[in-house]
Amino acid sequence: MPLSMVKEGESGRIKKVGGKEETRRFLGTLGFVNGGSVTVISKIAGNLIVNIRDSRIALGTDLANKILV
């Protein structure tokens, strides 16, 4: 399921990062790689704040939909 569907406080393992090559490369530099663990901290108006690799990152719904957990 896409990362945007994960509820607040829940964790998941990244199965696939989709999108264009440029988008996948950008998300990879942020730590969104296959097998990585990600936790949704909060959701506000469809945008997410996630914890990955001991960092908090804000994602819009469009990018969160490209990350499958």
N, C-alpha and C. Protein backbone atom coordinates (compact mmCIF):
# COMPACT_ATOMS: atom_id res chain seq x y z
N MET A 1 0.84 -1.18 0.00
CA MET A 1 0.00 0.00 0.00
C MET A 1 0.89 1.24 0.00
N PRO A 2 0.41 2.35 -0.50
CA PRO A 2 1.23 3.58 -0.52
C PRO A 2 1.44 4.13 0.89
N LEU A 3 2.54 4.81 1.07
CA LEU A 3 2.88 5.39 2.37
C LEU A 3 1.80 6.34 2.85
N SER A 4 1.10 6.99 1.95
CA SER A 4 0.05 7.93 2.33
C SER A 4 -1.11 7.26 3.04
N MET A 5 -1.25 5.93 2.93
CA MET A 5 -2.33 5.19 3.57
C MET A 5 -1.97 4.69 4.97
N VAL A 6 -0.70 4.79 5.36
CA VAL A 6 -0.26 4.33 6.68
C VAL A 6 -0.77 5.31 7.73
N LYS A 7 -1.26 4.78 8.84
CA LYS A 7 -1.82 5.62 9.91
C LYS A 7 -0.71 6.22 10.77
N GLU A 8 -1.05 7.30 11.45
CA GLU A 8 -0.10 7.96 12.35
C GLU A 8 0.41 6.98 13.40
N GLY A 9 1.71 7.01 13.65
CA GLY A 9 2.32 6.16 14.66
C GLY A 9 2.69 4.77 14.18
N GLU A 10 2.27 4.39 12.97
CA GLU A 10 2.58 3.06 12.46
C GLU A 10 3.87 3.08 11.65
N SER A 11 4.55 1.94 11.64
CA SER A 11 5.79 1.78 10.89
C SER A 11 5.59 0.80 9.76
N GLY A 12 6.50 0.82 8.81
CA GLY A 12 6.46 -0.13 7.72
C GLY A 12 7.81 -0.23 7.04
N ARG A 13 7.97 -1.28 6.26
CA ARG A 13 9.18 -1.49 5.46
C ARG A 13 8.88 -1.07 4.03
N ILE A 14 9.80 -0.37 3.43
CA ILE A 14 9.62 0.10 2.06
C ILE A 14 9.81 -1.07 1.11
N LYS A 15 8.80 -1.33 0.29
CA LYS A 15 8.85 -2.43 -0.68
C LYS A 15 9.33 -1.94 -2.05
N LYS A 16 8.88 -0.73 -2.43
CA LYS A 16 9.21 -0.21 -3.76
C LYS A 16 9.07 1.30 -3.77
N VAL A 17 9.95 1.95 -4.52
CA VAL A 17 9.85 3.39 -4.74
C VAL A 17 9.60 3.58 -6.22
N GLY A 18 8.46 4.17 -6.55
CA GLY A 18 8.07 4.34 -7.95
C GLY A 18 8.34 5.75 -8.44
N GLY A 19 7.84 6.03 -9.64
CA GLY A 19 8.00 7.34 -10.24
C GLY A 19 9.12 7.36 -11.27
N LYS A 20 9.38 8.54 -11.77
CA LYS A 20 10.45 8.72 -12.75
C LYS A 20 11.81 8.51 -12.09
N GLU A 21 12.82 8.30 -12.90
CA GLU A 21 14.18 8.07 -12.40
C GLU A 21 14.63 9.22 -11.48
N GLU A 22 14.35 10.43 -11.88
CA GLU A 22 14.75 11.60 -11.09
C GLU A 22 14.08 11.59 -9.71
N THR A 23 12.81 11.22 -9.67
CA THR A 23 12.07 11.15 -8.41
C THR A 23 12.62 10.04 -7.52
N ARG A 24 12.89 8.87 -8.10
CA ARG A 24 13.44 7.75 -7.32
C ARG A 24 14.80 8.10 -6.76
N ARG A 25 15.62 8.78 -7.55
CA ARG A 25 16.95 9.18 -7.10
C ARG A 25 16.85 10.18 -5.94
N PHE A 26 15.95 11.15 -6.06
CA PHE A 26 15.74 12.15 -5.01
C PHE A 26 15.30 11.49 -3.71
N LEU A 27 14.29 10.60 -3.80
CA LEU A 27 13.81 9.91 -2.61
C LEU A 27 14.88 9.00 -2.02
N GLY A 28 15.70 8.40 -2.88
CA GLY A 28 16.80 7.55 -2.40
C GLY A 28 17.82 8.33 -1.59
N THR A 29 18.11 9.56 -2.00
CA THR A 29 19.06 10.38 -1.25
C THR A 29 18.50 10.77 0.12
N LEU A 30 17.17 10.81 0.25
CA LEU A 30 16.55 11.11 1.53
C LEU A 30 16.48 9.87 2.43
N GLY A 31 16.76 8.69 1.88
CA GLY A 31 16.75 7.46 2.67
C GLY A 31 15.63 6.50 2.34
N PHE A 32 14.80 6.84 1.37
CA PHE A 32 13.69 5.97 0.97
C PHE A 32 14.20 4.93 -0.02
N VAL A 33 14.73 3.83 0.51
CA VAL A 33 15.27 2.75 -0.30
C VAL A 33 14.56 1.45 0.07
N ASN A 34 14.57 0.49 -0.84
CA ASN A 34 13.91 -0.80 -0.59
C ASN A 34 14.46 -1.43 0.69
N GLY A 35 13.55 -1.90 1.53
CA GLY A 35 13.94 -2.54 2.78
C GLY A 35 14.09 -1.59 3.94
N GLY A 36 14.06 -0.29 3.69
CA GLY A 36 14.21 0.69 4.76
C GLY A 36 12.96 0.78 5.62
N SER A 37 13.16 1.16 6.87
CA SER A 37 12.04 1.30 7.80
C SER A 37 11.61 2.75 7.86
N VAL A 38 10.29 2.98 7.84
CA VAL A 38 9.74 4.33 7.88
C VAL A 38 8.57 4.36 8.85
N THR A 39 8.48 5.43 9.64
CA THR A 39 7.40 5.61 10.61
C THR A 39 6.68 6.92 10.32
N VAL A 40 5.36 6.87 10.25
CA VAL A 40 4.56 8.08 10.04
C VAL A 40 4.37 8.75 11.39
N ILE A 41 4.88 9.99 11.51
CA ILE A 41 4.78 10.74 12.75
C ILE A 41 3.43 11.47 12.81
N SER A 42 3.08 12.19 11.74
CA SER A 42 1.81 12.89 11.72
C SER A 42 1.34 13.12 10.29
N LYS A 43 0.03 13.36 10.18
CA LYS A 43 -0.61 13.68 8.90
C LYS A 43 -1.37 14.97 9.09
N ILE A 44 -1.11 15.94 8.24
CA ILE A 44 -1.81 17.22 8.30
C ILE A 44 -2.23 17.59 6.89
N ALA A 45 -3.52 17.65 6.65
CA ALA A 45 -4.08 18.03 5.35
C ALA A 45 -3.49 17.21 4.21
N GLY A 46 -3.30 15.91 4.44
CA GLY A 46 -2.78 15.03 3.39
C GLY A 46 -1.27 14.97 3.32
N ASN A 47 -0.59 15.91 3.96
CA ASN A 47 0.87 15.88 3.98
C ASN A 47 1.34 15.06 5.17
N LEU A 48 2.51 14.43 5.02
CA LEU A 48 3.01 13.55 6.06
C LEU A 48 4.34 14.04 6.61
N ILE A 49 4.55 13.78 7.89
CA ILE A 49 5.87 13.92 8.48
C ILE A 49 6.26 12.51 8.89
N VAL A 50 7.40 12.05 8.36
CA VAL A 50 7.84 10.69 8.60
C VAL A 50 9.22 10.69 9.24
N ASN A 51 9.50 9.60 9.93
CA ASN A 51 10.80 9.40 10.54
C ASN A 51 11.51 8.31 9.76
N ILE A 52 12.67 8.63 9.19
CA ILE A 52 13.45 7.66 8.45
C ILE A 52 14.92 7.95 8.71
N ARG A 53 15.66 6.91 9.03
CA ARG A 53 17.09 7.06 9.34
C ARG A 53 17.35 8.14 10.38
N ASP A 54 16.58 8.15 11.44
CA ASP A 54 16.72 9.11 12.54
C ASP A 54 16.55 10.56 12.10
N SER A 55 15.82 10.79 11.02
CA SER A 55 15.52 12.14 10.54
C SER A 55 14.03 12.26 10.30
N ARG A 56 13.52 13.46 10.49
CA ARG A 56 12.11 13.73 10.18
C ARG A 56 12.04 14.45 8.85
N ILE A 57 11.18 13.96 7.98
CA ILE A 57 11.06 14.50 6.64
C ILE A 57 9.58 14.73 6.35
N ALA A 58 9.27 15.88 5.77
CA ALA A 58 7.89 16.19 5.36
C ALA A 58 7.72 15.80 3.89
N LEU A 59 6.63 15.11 3.59
CA LEU A 59 6.32 14.69 2.22
C LEU A 59 4.91 15.10 1.85
N GLY A 60 4.76 15.52 0.61
CA GLY A 60 3.42 15.78 0.09
C GLY A 60 2.77 14.46 -0.30
N THR A 61 1.47 14.51 -0.50
CA THR A 61 0.73 13.31 -0.86
C THR A 61 1.24 12.69 -2.16
N ASP A 62 1.60 13.53 -3.13
CA ASP A 62 2.06 13.01 -4.42
C ASP A 62 3.32 12.15 -4.27
N LEU A 63 4.28 12.59 -3.46
CA LEU A 63 5.50 11.78 -3.24
C LEU A 63 5.20 10.58 -2.37
N ALA A 64 4.36 10.73 -1.36
CA ALA A 64 4.03 9.62 -0.48
C ALA A 64 3.33 8.48 -1.24
N ASN A 65 2.58 8.82 -2.27
CA ASN A 65 1.90 7.81 -3.07
C ASN A 65 2.88 6.99 -3.91
N LYS A 66 4.07 7.49 -4.15
CA LYS A 66 5.07 6.77 -4.95
C LYS A 66 5.88 5.77 -4.12
N ILE A 67 5.74 5.84 -2.79
CA ILE A 67 6.48 4.96 -1.90
C ILE A 67 5.53 3.87 -1.40
N LEU A 68 5.83 2.62 -1.74
CA LEU A 68 4.98 1.49 -1.35
C LEU A 68 5.58 0.78 -0.15
N VAL A 69 4.75 0.52 0.85
CA VAL A 69 5.20 -0.18 2.07
C VAL A 69 4.43 -1.47 2.25
